Amino acid sequence: MKPITVLLAEDHTIVREGLLSLLKLESDIRIVAEAENGRQAVALTNKLAPDVLVMDIAMPLLNGLEAARQILLTKTTTKILILSAHSDDAYIEKVMALGASGYLIKQSAFHVLPEAIRVVHGGKTYFSPSISKRFSSLGKSALTRAGVTKPDADKLTPREMEVLQLIAEGNANKMTADILKISIKTVEKHRQSLMVKLNIHDAASLTRYAIANGIIESSVQVTIL
């Protein structure tokens, strides 16, 4: 039987190595590559087309949400299984609305990850047990809640989201331009546009916004420009 090929995208080395050690014990699962940030995850997925991408949401350079959006726009056959420290409905709904196949809380990942990989590879969705139990008890699905207000971030284009994250991580315009392979003038235009859309007018406030909306982790070391 052909093993399930998996790309593991997780920026915390200790967590990534722990998950790798766990998955190497499974004879029907094969790790084909590792990624330390969202940009690597996108590039490696496009190059290797693994059966399943296991990806943390909060990653540097490009967070898991935007990485998933870019990957799924390519009509890939890769199934995306999200890892997150957050279990609130808003995160889950946003991830599943993008087209991801599953959502695991990091605290439970070591217990259920192999099973989750097999389930999403088989074409079904998988949630951490605590999430499944909560939705079941409330009689609702992560995909069908009514009356959910879209956050301001949904007004931003994918490129503006990339610029927002890089600014919030402390990158100057030149570094942001180099990472995205665009001109400094283009970065400045995107920066101005997202500030107008979000009604935010300084880098410090952009950073606070990015943290509050899960675009970067509060533990990320940032330099306010």
C-alpha atoms as a PDB file:
ATOM      1  CA  MET A   1       0.000   0.000   0.000  1.00  0.00           C
ATOM      2  CA  LYS A   2       1.342   3.397  -0.988  1.00  0.00           C
ATOM      3  CA  PRO A   3       2.161   5.539   2.062  1.00  0.00           C
ATOM      4  CA  ILE A   4       0.467   8.883   2.660  1.00  0.00           C
ATOM      5  CA  THR A   5       2.978  11.621   1.864  1.00  0.00           C
ATOM      6  CA  VAL A   6       3.050  14.501   4.349  1.00  0.00           C
ATOM      7  CA  LEU A   7       4.646  17.932   4.450  1.00  0.00           C
ATOM      8  CA  LEU A   8       4.999  19.274   7.997  1.00  0.00           C
ATOM      9  CA  ALA A   9       5.022  23.079   8.363  1.00  0.00           C
ATOM     10  CA  GLU A  10       5.776  24.253  11.906  1.00  0.00           C
ATOM     11  CA  ASP A  11       8.158  27.033  12.926  1.00  0.00           C
ATOM     12  CA  HIS A  12       8.866  25.818  16.465  1.00  0.00           C
ATOM     13  CA  THR A  13      11.704  23.327  16.139  1.00  0.00           C
ATOM     14  CA  ILE A  14      10.901  21.360  19.284  1.00  0.00           C
ATOM     15  CA  VAL A  15       7.257  20.934  18.310  1.00  0.00           C
ATOM     16  CA  ARG A  16       8.153  20.017  14.725  1.00  0.00           C
ATOM     17  CA  GLU A  17      10.718  17.427  15.801  1.00  0.00           C
ATOM     18  CA  GLY A  18       8.235  15.924  18.248  1.00  0.00           C
ATOM     19  CA  LEU A  19       5.586  15.571  15.561  1.00  0.00           C
ATOM     20  CA  LEU A  20       8.141  14.128  13.147  1.00  0.00           C
ATOM     21  CA  SER A  21       9.176  11.510  15.681  1.00  0.00           C
ATOM     22  CA  LEU A  22       5.531  10.606  16.196  1.00  0.00           C
ATOM     23  CA  LEU A  23       4.758  10.262  12.493  1.00  0.00           C
ATOM     24  CA  LYS A  24       7.885   8.229  11.754  1.00  0.00           C
ATOM     25  CA  LEU A  25       6.370   5.462  13.887  1.00  0.00           C
ATOM     26  CA  GLU A  26       3.494   5.114  11.402  1.00  0.00           C
ATOM     27  CA  SER A  27       4.265   2.698   8.579  1.00  0.00           C
ATOM     28  CA  ASP A  28       1.608   4.167   6.268  1.00  0.00           C
ATOM     29  CA  ILE A  29       2.772   7.795   6.613  1.00  0.00           C
ATOM     30  CA  ARG A  30       5.909   9.249   5.018  1.00  0.00           C
ATOM     31  CA  ILE A  31       7.286  12.751   5.694  1.00  0.00           C
ATOM     32  CA  VAL A  32       8.551  14.208   2.415  1.00  0.00           C
ATOM     33  CA  ALA A  33       9.634  17.648   3.647  1.00  0.00           C
ATOM     34  CA  GLU A  34       9.576  20.182   6.478  1.00  0.00           C
ATOM     35  CA  ALA A  35       8.853  23.929   6.372  1.00  0.00           C
ATOM     36  CA  GLU A  36       9.755  26.565   8.958  1.00  0.00           C
ATOM     37  CA  ASN A  37       7.547  29.355   7.611  1.00  0.00           C
ATOM     38  CA  GLY A  38       4.499  29.870   5.450  1.00  0.00           C
ATOM     39  CA  ARG A  39       6.408  30.844   2.338  1.00  0.00           C
ATOM     40  CA  GLN A  40       8.386  27.609   2.455  1.00  0.00           C
ATOM     41  CA  ALA A  41       5.149  25.681   2.948  1.00  0.00           C
ATOM     42  CA  VAL A  42       3.655  27.185  -0.212  1.00  0.00           C
ATOM     43  CA  ALA A  43       6.787  26.578  -2.297  1.00  0.00           C
ATOM     44  CA  LEU A  44       7.271  22.999  -1.104  1.00  0.00           C
ATOM     45  CA  THR A  45       3.615  22.105  -1.554  1.00  0.00           C
ATOM     46  CA  ASN A  46       3.667  23.420  -5.109  1.00  0.00           C
ATOM     47  CA  LYS A  47       6.875  21.513  -5.806  1.00  0.00           C
ATOM     48  CA  LEU A  48       6.175  18.178  -4.085  1.00  0.00           C
ATOM     49  CA  ALA A  49       2.350  17.959  -4.085  1.00  0.00           C
ATOM     50  CA  PRO A  50       2.164  15.951  -0.846  1.00  0.00           C
ATOM     51  CA  ASP A  51      -1.038  14.112  -0.023  1.00  0.00           C
ATOM     52  CA  VAL A  52      -1.436  16.092   3.206  1.00  0.00           C
ATOM     53  CA  LEU A  53       0.027  19.380   4.438  1.00  0.00           C
ATOM     54  CA  VAL A  54       0.052  19.648   8.233  1.00  0.00           C
ATOM     55  CA  MET A  55       0.472  23.364   8.922  1.00  0.00           C
ATOM     56  CA  ASP A  56       0.574  25.646  11.939  1.00  0.00           C
ATOM     57  CA  ILE A  57      -1.472  28.843  11.646  1.00  0.00           C
ATOM     58  CA  ALA A  58       0.982  31.188  13.362  1.00  0.00           C
ATOM     59  CA  MET A  59       4.147  31.107  11.250  1.00  0.00           C
ATOM     60  CA  PRO A  60       6.629  33.822  10.274  1.00  0.00           C
ATOM     61  CA  LEU A  61       6.790  35.568   6.878  1.00  0.00           C
ATOM     62  CA  LEU A  62       3.400  34.143   5.845  1.00  0.00           C
ATOM     63  CA  ASN A  63       0.850  32.818   8.324  1.00  0.00           C
ATOM     64  CA  GLY A  64      -0.962  29.549   7.820  1.00  0.00           C
ATOM     65  CA  LEU A  65      -4.225  31.154   6.721  1.00  0.00           C
ATOM     66  CA  GLU A  66      -2.626  33.064   3.859  1.00  0.00           C
ATOM     67  CA  ALA A  67      -0.420  30.103   2.963  1.00  0.00           C
ATOM     68  CA  ALA A  68      -3.516  27.889   2.776  1.00  0.00           C
ATOM     69  CA  ARG A  69      -5.311  30.479   0.655  1.00  0.00           C
ATOM     70  CA  GLN A  70      -2.437  30.619  -1.840  1.00  0.00           C
ATOM     71  CA  ILE A  71      -2.096  26.837  -2.013  1.00  0.00           C
ATOM     72  CA  LEU A  72      -5.806  26.182  -2.473  1.00  0.00           C
ATOM     73  CA  LEU A  73      -6.029  28.772  -5.259  1.00  0.00           C
ATOM     74  CA  THR A  74      -3.813  26.452  -7.336  1.00  0.00           C
ATOM     75  CA  LYS A  75      -6.537  23.758  -7.279  1.00  0.00           C
ATOM     76  CA  THR A  76      -4.096  21.421  -5.577  1.00  0.00           C
ATOM     77  CA  THR A  77      -5.029  17.888  -4.579  1.00  0.00           C
ATOM     78  CA  THR A  78      -3.126  18.325  -1.311  1.00  0.00           C
ATOM     79  CA  LYS A  79      -5.349  18.196   1.765  1.00  0.00           C
ATOM     80  CA  ILE A  80      -4.583  20.849   4.385  1.00  0.00           C
ATOM     81  CA  LEU A  81      -4.724  19.975   8.068  1.00  0.00           C
ATOM     82  CA  ILE A  82      -4.334  23.025  10.300  1.00  0.00           C
ATOM     83  CA  LEU A  83      -2.586  23.083  13.680  1.00  0.00           C
ATOM     84  CA  SER A  84      -3.447  25.917  16.064  1.00  0.00           C
ATOM     85  CA  ALA A  85      -3.233  26.964  19.682  1.00  0.00           C
ATOM     86  CA  HIS A  86      -6.612  28.679  19.227  1.00  0.00           C
ATOM     87  CA  SER A  87      -9.915  26.839  19.554  1.00  0.00           C
ATOM     88  CA  ASP A  88     -12.409  29.694  19.216  1.00  0.00           C
ATOM     89  CA  ASP A  89     -15.079  29.437  16.523  1.00  0.00           C
ATOM     90  CA  ALA A  90     -13.848  32.409  14.483  1.00  0.00           C
ATOM     91  CA  TYR A  91     -10.491  30.775  13.728  1.00  0.00           C
ATOM     92  CA  ILE A  92     -12.082  27.451  12.853  1.00  0.00           C
ATOM     93  CA  GLU A  93     -14.715  28.989  10.587  1.00  0.00           C
ATOM     94  CA  LYS A  94     -12.152  31.044   8.704  1.00  0.00           C
ATOM     95  CA  VAL A  95      -9.880  28.036   8.144  1.00  0.00           C
ATOM     96  CA  MET A  96     -12.652  25.755   6.954  1.00  0.00           C
ATOM     97  CA  ALA A  97     -14.162  28.448   4.740  1.00  0.00           C
ATOM     98  CA  LEU A  98     -10.846  28.581   2.883  1.00  0.00           C
ATOM     99  CA  GLY A  99     -11.183  24.900   2.051  1.00  0.00           C
ATOM    100  CA  ALA A 100      -8.945  23.246   4.639  1.00  0.00           C
ATOM    101  CA  SER A 101      -9.777  19.646   5.501  1.00  0.00           C
ATOM    102  CA  GLY A 102      -9.232  19.688   9.239  1.00  0.00           C
ATOM    103  CA  TYR A 103      -8.366  21.642  12.362  1.00  0.00           C
ATOM    104  CA  LEU A 104      -6.309  20.327  15.291  1.00  0.00           C
ATOM    105  CA  ILE A 105      -5.653  22.002  18.610  1.00  0.00           C
ATOM    106  CA  LYS A 106      -1.925  21.730  19.286  1.00  0.00           C
ATOM    107  CA  GLN A 107      -2.468  20.383  22.793  1.00  0.00           C
ATOM    108  CA  SER A 108      -4.208  17.313  21.354  1.00  0.00           C
ATOM    109  CA  ALA A 109      -2.160  16.921  18.167  1.00  0.00           C
ATOM    110  CA  PHE A 110       0.264  14.361  19.581  1.00  0.00           C
ATOM    111  CA  HIS A 111      -2.630  12.052  20.405  1.00  0.00           C
ATOM    112  CA  VAL A 112      -4.679  12.296  17.217  1.00  0.00           C
ATOM    113  CA  LEU A 113      -2.423  13.511  14.377  1.00  0.00           C
ATOM    114  CA  PRO A 114      -1.889  10.138  12.622  1.00  0.00           C
ATOM    115  CA  GLU A 115      -5.623   9.452  12.694  1.00  0.00           C
ATOM    116  CA  ALA A 116      -6.389  12.970  11.447  1.00  0.00           C
ATOM    117  CA  ILE A 117      -3.980  12.572   8.525  1.00  0.00           C
ATOM    118  CA  ARG A 118      -5.624   9.314   7.490  1.00  0.00           C
ATOM    119  CA  VAL A 119      -9.124  10.811   7.732  1.00  0.00           C
ATOM    120  CA  VAL A 120      -8.423  13.916   5.627  1.00  0.00           C
ATOM    121  CA  HIS A 121      -6.450  11.867   3.110  1.00  0.00           C
ATOM    122  CA  GLY A 122      -9.576   9.758   2.732  1.00  0.00           C
ATOM    123  CA  GLY A 123     -11.568  12.830   1.737  1.00  0.00           C
ATOM    124  CA  LYS A 124     -13.278  13.607   5.033  1.00  0.00           C
ATOM    125  CA  THR A 125     -12.871  16.464   7.515  1.00  0.00           C
ATOM    126  CA  TYR A 126     -11.327  16.102  10.953  1.00  0.00           C
ATOM    127  CA  PHE A 127     -11.553  18.266  14.074  1.00  0.00           C
ATOM    128  CA  SER A 128      -9.873  17.827  17.439  1.00  0.00           C
ATOM    129  CA  PRO A 129     -12.193  15.885  19.761  1.00  0.00           C
ATOM    130  CA  SER A 130     -12.884  18.931  21.937  1.00  0.00           C
ATOM    131  CA  ILE A 131     -14.009  20.941  18.905  1.00  0.00           C
ATOM    132  CA  SER A 132     -16.194  18.144  17.544  1.00  0.00           C
ATOM    133  CA  LYS A 133     -17.807  17.726  20.941  1.00  0.00           C
ATOM    134  CA  ARG A 134     -18.515  21.455  21.243  1.00  0.00           C
ATOM    135  CA  PHE A 135     -20.100  21.723  17.805  1.00  0.00           C
ATOM    136  CA  SER A 136     -22.127  18.582  18.407  1.00  0.00           C
ATOM    137  CA  SER A 137     -23.474  19.861  21.727  1.00  0.00           C
ATOM    138  CA  LEU A 138     -24.413  23.201  20.179  1.00  0.00           C
ATOM    139  CA  GLY A 139     -26.000  21.532  17.158  1.00  0.00           C
ATOM    140  CA  LYS A 140     -23.995  23.512  14.614  1.00  0.00           C
ATOM    141  CA  SER A 141     -21.205  23.181  12.119  1.00  0.00           C
ATOM    142  CA  ALA A 142     -18.096  25.330  11.742  1.00  0.00           C
ATOM    143  CA  LEU A 143     -19.183  25.957   8.190  1.00  0.00           C
ATOM    144  CA  THR A 144     -22.837  26.826   8.674  1.00  0.00           C
ATOM    145  CA  ARG A 145     -23.062  29.390  11.438  1.00  0.00           C
ATOM    146  CA  ALA A 146     -25.310  32.266  10.499  1.00  0.00           C
ATOM    147  CA  GLY A 147     -24.782  35.885  11.284  1.00  0.00           C
ATOM    148  CA  VAL A 148     -20.998  35.814  11.493  1.00  0.00           C
ATOM    149  CA  THR A 149     -19.565  39.282  10.975  1.00  0.00           C
ATOM    150  CA  LYS A 150     -16.591  39.407   8.664  1.00  0.00           C
ATOM    151  CA  PRO A 151     -13.494  40.931  10.251  1.00  0.00           C
ATOM    152  CA  ASP A 152     -11.880  44.020   8.773  1.00  0.00           C
ATOM    153  CA  ALA A 153      -8.992  41.863   7.554  1.00  0.00           C
ATOM    154  CA  ASP A 154     -11.348  40.357   4.962  1.00  0.00           C
ATOM    155  CA  LYS A 155     -11.292  43.733   3.214  1.00  0.00           C
ATOM    156  CA  LEU A 156      -7.603  43.266   2.466  1.00  0.00           C
ATOM    157  CA  THR A 157      -6.177  41.662  -0.646  1.00  0.00           C
ATOM    158  CA  PRO A 158      -3.848  38.657  -0.230  1.00  0.00           C
ATOM    159  CA  ARG A 159      -0.860  40.904  -0.999  1.00  0.00           C
ATOM    160  CA  GLU A 160      -1.970  43.473   1.571  1.00  0.00           C
ATOM    161  CA  MET A 161      -2.231  40.664   4.130  1.00  0.00           C
ATOM    162  CA  GLU A 162       1.340  39.643   3.334  1.00  0.00           C
ATOM    163  CA  VAL A 163       2.563  43.209   3.711  1.00  0.00           C
ATOM    164  CA  LEU A 164       0.623  43.595   6.966  1.00  0.00           C
ATOM    165  CA  GLN A 165       2.252  40.510   8.466  1.00  0.00           C
ATOM    166  CA  LEU A 166       5.766  41.507   7.402  1.00  0.00           C
ATOM    167  CA  ILE A 167       5.318  45.036   8.794  1.00  0.00           C
ATOM    168  CA  ALA A 168       3.942  43.640  12.049  1.00  0.00           C
ATOM    169  CA  GLU A 169       6.965  41.340  12.315  1.00  0.00           C
ATOM    170  CA  GLY A 170       9.199  44.416  12.230  1.00  0.00           C
ATOM    171  CA  ASN A 171      10.394  44.387   8.630  1.00  0.00           C
ATOM    172  CA  ALA A 172      11.232  47.734   7.052  1.00  0.00           C
ATOM    173  CA  ASN A 173       9.859  48.533   3.585  1.00  0.00           C
ATOM    174  CA  LYS A 174      13.082  47.459   1.858  1.00  0.00           C
ATOM    175  CA  MET A 175      13.160  44.077   3.595  1.00  0.00           C
ATOM    176  CA  THR A 176       9.462  43.563   2.857  1.00  0.00           C
ATOM    177  CA  ALA A 177      10.108  44.394  -0.798  1.00  0.00           C
ATOM    178  CA  ASP A 178      13.016  41.937  -0.933  1.00  0.00           C
ATOM    179  CA  ILE A 179      10.973  39.124   0.644  1.00  0.00           C
ATOM    180  CA  LEU A 180       7.998  39.667  -1.677  1.00  0.00           C
ATOM    181  CA  LYS A 181      10.213  40.454  -4.689  1.00  0.00           C
ATOM    182  CA  ILE A 182       8.404  43.702  -5.422  1.00  0.00           C
ATOM    183  CA  SER A 183       9.525  47.345  -5.459  1.00  0.00           C
ATOM    184  CA  ILE A 184       9.698  49.526  -2.360  1.00  0.00           C
ATOM    185  CA  LYS A 185       7.201  51.880  -4.005  1.00  0.00           C
ATOM    186  CA  THR A 186       4.737  48.996  -4.389  1.00  0.00           C
ATOM    187  CA  VAL A 187       5.197  48.087  -0.727  1.00  0.00           C
ATOM    188  CA  GLU A 188       4.468  51.679   0.241  1.00  0.00           C
ATOM    189  CA  LYS A 189       1.270  51.638  -1.847  1.00  0.00           C
ATOM    190  CA  HIS A 190       0.089  48.420  -0.220  1.00  0.00           C
ATOM    191  CA  ARG A 191       0.974  49.772   3.207  1.00  0.00           C
ATOM    192  CA  GLN A 192      -1.007  52.946   2.610  1.00  0.00           C
ATOM    193  CA  SER A 193      -3.962  50.997   1.243  1.00  0.00           C
ATOM    194  CA  LEU A 194      -4.221  48.610   4.194  1.00  0.00           C
ATOM    195  CA  MET A 195      -3.913  51.497   6.664  1.00  0.00           C
ATOM    196  CA  VAL A 196      -6.822  53.250   4.958  1.00  0.00           C
ATOM    197  CA  LYS A 197      -8.952  50.093   4.892  1.00  0.00           C
ATOM    198  CA  LEU A 198      -8.259  49.329   8.554  1.00  0.00           C
ATOM    199  CA  ASN A 199      -8.313  52.986   9.649  1.00  0.00           C
ATOM    200  CA  ILE A 200      -4.909  52.477  11.269  1.00  0.00           C
ATOM    201  CA  HIS A 201      -2.182  55.016  10.759  1.00  0.00           C
ATOM    202  CA  ASP A 202       1.028  53.800  12.396  1.00  0.00           C
ATOM    203  CA  ALA A 203       3.108  50.628  12.501  1.00  0.00           C
ATOM    204  CA  ALA A 204       2.625  50.114  16.247  1.00  0.00           C
ATOM    205  CA  SER A 205      -1.149  49.961  15.812  1.00  0.00           C
ATOM    206  CA  LEU A 206      -0.772  47.639  12.820  1.00  0.00           C
ATOM    207  CA  THR A 207       1.279  45.299  14.998  1.00  0.00           C
ATOM    208  CA  ARG A 208      -1.347  45.309  17.742  1.00  0.00           C
ATOM    209  CA  TYR A 209      -4.020  44.626  15.127  1.00  0.00           C
ATOM    210  CA  ALA A 210      -2.035  41.727  13.674  1.00  0.00           C
ATOM    211  CA  ILE A 211      -1.601  40.160  17.114  1.00  0.00           C
ATOM    212  CA  ALA A 212      -5.264  40.639  18.046  1.00  0.00           C
ATOM    213  CA  ASN A 213      -6.389  38.974  14.820  1.00  0.00           C
ATOM    214  CA  GLY A 214      -3.995  36.041  15.006  1.00  0.00           C
ATOM    215  CA  ILE A 215      -1.924  37.146  12.016  1.00  0.00           C
ATOM    216  CA  ILE A 216       1.206  36.953  14.166  1.00  0.00           C
ATOM    217  CA  GLU A 217       1.761  35.555  17.633  1.00  0.00           C
ATOM    218  CA  SER A 218       2.209  37.907  20.569  1.00  0.00           C
ATOM    219  CA  SER A 219       5.496  36.127  21.281  1.00  0.00           C
ATOM    220  CA  VAL A 220       6.974  37.267  17.957  1.00  0.00           C
ATOM    221  CA  GLN A 221       9.823  39.673  18.539  1.00  0.00           C
ATOM    222  CA  VAL A 222       8.916  42.815  16.621  1.00  0.00           C
ATOM    223  CA  THR A 223      10.529  46.185  16.104  1.00  0.00           C
ATOM    224  CA  ILE A 224       8.111  49.102  15.934  1.00  0.00           C
ATOM    225  CA  LEU A 225       9.093  51.225  12.917  1.00  0.00           C
END
